[in-house]
Protein backbone atom coordinates (compact mmCIF):
# COMPACT_ATOMS: atom_id res chain seq x y z
CA MET A 1 148.98 35.72 149.43
CA LEU A 2 149.99 38.97 147.62
CA ILE A 3 149.48 42.47 148.62
CA LEU A 4 149.83 45.15 145.93
CA TYR A 5 149.40 49.32 146.61
CA ASN A 6 149.38 52.37 144.74
CA ILE A 7 150.02 56.34 146.17
CA LEU A 8 148.11 58.03 143.34
CA GLN A 9 148.84 61.38 141.86
CA PHE A 10 145.22 62.63 141.53
CA ASP A 11 146.50 65.07 138.63
CA ASP A 12 148.43 62.76 136.83
CA MET A 13 145.19 60.51 135.70
CA THR A 14 143.87 61.36 132.31
CA GLY A 15 140.31 61.56 131.47
CA GLY A 16 140.85 58.33 128.74
CA GLN A 17 142.78 56.35 131.59
CA ILE A 18 139.45 56.86 133.76
CA GLU A 19 137.24 56.01 130.84
CA ASP A 20 139.03 52.79 130.15
CA TRP A 21 139.23 51.75 133.70
CA LEU A 22 135.39 52.38 133.70
CA GLY A 23 134.57 50.54 130.61
CA GLN A 24 136.07 47.49 132.16
CA LEU A 25 133.42 47.25 134.76
CA PRO A 26 130.08 45.40 134.86
CA LEU A 27 127.45 48.06 134.44
CA ALA A 28 125.89 47.89 137.52
CA LYS A 29 129.64 49.08 139.24
CA GLN A 30 130.09 51.78 136.45
CA ASN A 31 126.90 53.57 137.24
CA ALA A 32 127.54 52.86 140.98
CA ILE A 33 130.94 54.22 140.23
CA THR A 34 129.55 57.41 138.48
CA ARG A 35 127.12 58.07 141.01
CA LEU A 36 130.11 59.22 143.33
CA THR A 37 129.76 63.28 143.68
CA ASN A 38 133.66 63.53 144.62
CA ILE A 39 135.85 62.77 141.56
CA GLU A 40 138.56 61.60 143.98
CA ASP A 41 136.48 58.89 145.50
CA ARG A 42 135.98 57.62 141.88
CA LEU A 43 139.38 57.47 140.94
CA ARG A 44 140.08 55.28 144.15
CA SER A 45 137.52 53.05 143.62
CA LEU A 46 138.61 52.42 139.98
CA ALA A 47 142.24 51.98 140.83
CA GLY A 48 141.52 49.57 143.75
CA LEU A 49 139.50 47.47 141.08
CA GLN A 50 142.87 47.56 138.65
CA LEU A 51 145.19 46.50 141.41
CA LEU A 52 142.78 43.63 141.77
CA LYS A 53 143.18 43.15 138.21
CA SER A 54 146.95 43.18 138.50
CA ALA A 55 146.94 41.03 141.26
CA MET A 56 145.01 38.17 139.63
CA HIS A 57 147.39 38.63 136.29
CA GLN A 58 150.14 38.26 138.64
CA LEU A 59 148.84 35.19 140.01
CA GLY A 60 148.71 33.66 136.95
CA GLU A 61 145.04 34.26 136.35
CA ASP A 62 145.99 35.86 132.78
CA THR A 63 142.55 35.56 131.25
CA PHE A 64 140.76 37.13 134.23
CA GLN A 65 138.77 40.62 133.39
CA LEU A 66 137.25 42.59 135.98
CA SER A 67 134.02 42.30 133.93
CA GLN A 68 133.67 39.13 135.71
CA LEU A 69 133.55 40.42 139.01
CA CYS A 70 130.04 39.40 141.11
CA PHE A 71 127.82 41.74 143.42
CA SER A 72 126.09 40.74 146.77
CA PRO A 73 122.93 42.72 147.29
CA ARG A 74 124.98 45.40 149.32
CA GLY A 75 127.37 45.91 146.25
CA LYS A 76 130.29 44.16 147.68
CA PRO A 77 132.36 42.34 144.79
CA TYR A 78 133.45 38.89 145.10
CA LEU A 79 135.39 36.31 142.46
CA PRO A 80 133.25 33.91 140.63
CA THR A 81 135.45 31.13 142.25
CA THR A 82 136.04 30.18 145.59
CA LEU A 83 139.55 29.59 145.06
CA ARG A 84 140.21 33.13 146.20
CA HIS A 85 139.60 35.97 148.38
CA PHE A 86 140.65 39.62 148.13
CA SER A 87 140.23 43.04 150.16
CA ILE A 88 140.23 46.20 148.95
CA SER A 89 141.11 49.47 150.46
CA HIS A 90 141.64 53.16 150.12
CA ALA A 91 142.29 56.35 151.81
CA GLY A 92 143.55 59.79 150.90
CA GLN A 93 146.11 58.82 148.00
CA LEU A 94 147.01 54.97 149.36
CA VAL A 95 144.89 52.32 147.43
CA ALA A 96 145.37 48.60 148.54
CA CYS A 97 144.38 45.26 147.67
CA ALA A 98 145.23 41.86 149.36
CA ILE A 99 144.34 38.87 147.56
CA SER A 100 144.46 35.30 149.09
CA SER A 101 143.33 31.82 149.52
CA ALA A 102 141.93 32.37 152.55
CA PRO A 103 139.55 34.66 153.88
CA ILE A 104 141.13 38.18 154.06
CA GLY A 105 140.13 42.02 155.37
CA LEU A 106 142.57 44.85 154.53
CA ASP A 107 142.37 48.30 155.93
CA VAL A 108 144.05 51.45 155.59
CA GLU A 109 143.74 55.06 157.20
CA PRO A 110 145.41 58.11 157.16
CA ARG A 111 147.97 58.52 160.00
CA LEU A 112 146.59 61.51 161.68
CA PRO A 113 145.86 62.17 165.25
CA GLY A 114 143.06 60.67 166.60
CA LYS A 115 139.50 62.23 168.33
CA THR A 116 139.01 60.75 171.70
CA SER A 117 135.40 61.66 172.16
CA GLY A 118 132.09 59.58 170.75
CA LEU A 119 134.37 56.40 170.95
CA SER A 120 132.33 54.39 173.65
CA HIS A 121 129.91 52.51 170.84
CA TYR A 122 133.26 51.06 168.88
CA PHE A 123 135.88 50.49 171.74
CA SER A 124 136.01 48.84 174.88
CA PRO A 125 136.60 51.14 177.89
CA ALA A 126 140.31 49.73 178.15
CA GLU A 127 140.60 50.63 174.32
CA GLN A 128 138.96 54.02 174.94
CA ALA A 129 141.42 54.80 177.73
CA MET A 130 144.55 53.64 175.64
CA ILE A 131 143.86 56.04 172.86
CA ALA A 132 143.19 59.08 175.91
CA GLN A 133 146.51 58.14 176.76
CA GLN A 134 147.90 57.90 172.84
CA PRO A 135 145.56 59.42 170.45
CA SER A 136 147.47 58.60 167.63
CA ARG A 137 146.91 54.74 168.10
CA LEU A 138 142.92 55.20 167.15
CA GLY A 139 144.14 54.67 163.60
CA GLU A 140 145.97 51.47 164.60
CA LEU A 141 142.98 49.88 166.40
CA TRP A 142 140.35 51.10 163.94
CA THR A 143 142.22 49.59 161.00
CA ARG A 144 142.50 46.28 162.73
CA LYS A 145 138.74 46.08 163.86
CA GLU A 146 137.92 47.33 160.08
CA ALA A 147 140.19 44.68 158.50
CA VAL A 148 138.15 41.91 160.68
CA VAL A 149 135.07 42.94 159.71
CA LYS A 150 136.00 42.64 156.05
CA ALA A 151 137.64 39.52 156.45
CA ALA A 152 134.40 38.24 158.26
CA GLY A 153 132.56 39.28 155.39
CA GLU A 154 130.11 41.80 157.72
CA ALA A 155 129.58 45.37 157.31
CA GLY A 156 128.40 48.61 159.33
CA LEU A 157 129.75 49.92 162.16
CA ALA A 158 127.42 47.69 164.82
CA ALA A 159 130.37 45.00 163.57
CA ILE A 160 133.06 47.42 164.34
CA ALA A 161 131.76 47.82 167.97
CA SER A 162 131.13 43.78 168.27
CA VAL A 163 135.46 43.05 167.30
CA GLU A 164 137.19 42.01 170.29
CA LEU A 165 141.11 42.88 170.07
CA ALA A 166 143.59 41.07 172.04
CA PRO A 167 147.36 42.02 171.59
CA GLN A 168 147.58 39.93 168.17
CA HIS A 169 144.93 38.59 167.28
CA ALA A 170 140.77 39.63 167.50
CA ARG A 171 137.63 38.02 167.73
CA LEU A 172 134.16 38.66 165.92
CA GLY A 173 131.57 36.17 167.14
CA ALA A 174 133.12 32.87 167.67
CA ALA A 175 135.66 32.97 165.07
CA GLN A 176 139.42 34.22 165.95
CA TRP A 177 140.95 36.17 163.68
CA TRP A 178 145.39 37.09 163.21
CA THR A 179 145.75 41.08 162.45
CA HIS A 180 148.83 41.91 161.10
CA PRO A 181 150.55 45.34 160.55
CA LEU A 182 151.69 46.37 157.12
CA ALA A 183 154.16 48.87 156.42
CA LEU A 184 152.89 50.70 153.26
CA HIS A 185 153.74 54.31 153.52
CA ALA A 186 154.69 56.01 156.71
CA ASP A 187 151.57 58.29 156.45
CA TYR A 188 149.02 55.31 156.98
CA HIS A 189 148.06 53.00 159.13
CA ALA A 190 147.42 49.29 157.58
CA HIS A 191 146.56 46.22 159.06
CA LEU A 192 145.24 42.89 157.65
CA ALA A 193 143.21 40.31 158.69
CA THR A 194 143.57 36.52 158.06
CA PRO A 195 142.77 33.30 160.08
CA LEU A 196 146.61 32.56 159.20
CA ALA A 197 148.90 33.26 162.33
CA GLU A 198 151.74 33.45 160.25
CA PRO A 199 151.00 34.61 156.59
CA ASN A 200 153.42 34.45 154.19
CA TRP A 201 152.66 37.28 152.00
CA GLN A 202 154.63 39.23 149.15
CA ILE A 203 154.00 43.34 149.03
CA LYS A 204 154.22 45.35 145.75
CA ARG A 205 154.15 48.75 144.98
CA ILE A 206 152.41 49.39 141.56
CA THR A 207 152.86 52.55 140.11
CA HIS A 208 150.48 52.41 136.87
CA ALA A 209 147.59 49.52 137.61
């Protein structure tokens, strides 16, 4: 399992670099990214896919190109082979990509004080009480749930609400997932969800994907 991450410096990203990254993608994905109204959202999406390409190359897939990506009807990218699974997440300046031979989910969120209102739809009463006592744990619990939803291939806030958290693992439907914290950056929560209780991973920071 390989986890790559990058701390973006938006002001340092040139127009030529952005056009190059965009041109590497299938046309449908190019159009989807250019429709994003926030320029930083575009950059985060492009940088995440560059991390995927870099991860594939580091794992020996030297001929892999982003033009080979496939997309589900919902727009979720996946690899044309079932031998590798990946998950990309980004928030603020942090962009990360995890790739594994087993299903995987990754989520990152800024480490900000949590808002304790409006949580009843997504968290159990016990989880709400925990967040009320320690608002900073909102990001921790949310990234665990979001990582599980991604690993399971689900989408939407309803799926978030269906994740049942235990101290080290979580359940979504009949499936159990282990959730692992990642120390990528002091300003961000990050969690990985995998069917493996003790995954063997390598984490690398990439400055130029």
